[in-house]
Amino acid sequence: MCRFTRDHGFEKPHDASGLALMNAAAKETMKEFPGDLRLAFGESDEYSFVFDKNTKLYQRRASKLVSLVVSCFTGNYVRLWQEYFPRMPLSRVPLFDGRAVAYPSLKTLRDYLSWRQADTHINCQYNTCYWLLMKEMQDREAVQKVLQGTLTADKNELLYQRGINYNDIPEMYRKG
């Protein structure tokens, strides 16, 4: 999606319209499989879809479920594009991948989703700092050097010194 978002001028680190479109495509995907899909969690350009543990859809064939969810999500993304980007024609096909993972218990699934949410926070904080510094320094290597080895508190301070309270960034970006 990196080339796709660059070619369509997505705002860095967060493109509100792009993420709203992702969420809308996920909602439509959920509607397509009522009673079978139980949850969708989005982070960046990725979505995790959770099937009901008792689903019998397509005899639970992983390849079938993955291909249908990915094609449904992608189809809705394309179908809804103009609603979220009315002045920007879709100039290339969005590509999403997919995989199926069977978690052995609800606890393991909960741990996975907790990890995804923590990963969302880490990525949001880093990317917010990265793109803010890129606007200032215009040098990828210099920005990476500034951020290398920084901890959460360091990144919060970097943002705060530039007038940004990390906790004021919308939850959708910080928590998925």
Foldseek 3Di string as FASTA:
>chain_A
DVVQCVVQVADPPDRVLVVVLLVQLLVQLCVVDDPFWDDWDDADNDIDTDTDPPDCVVPPDFVVVQVSSQVSSQVSSQVCVCVSVVPTDRDDRDDDHGGDDDDPDVVRVVVVLVVVQQVLQVVLLLRVQLVVVCVVPVDNVVSCVVCPPDDPVRSQVSQVVVPDRSVPPDCSRNGD
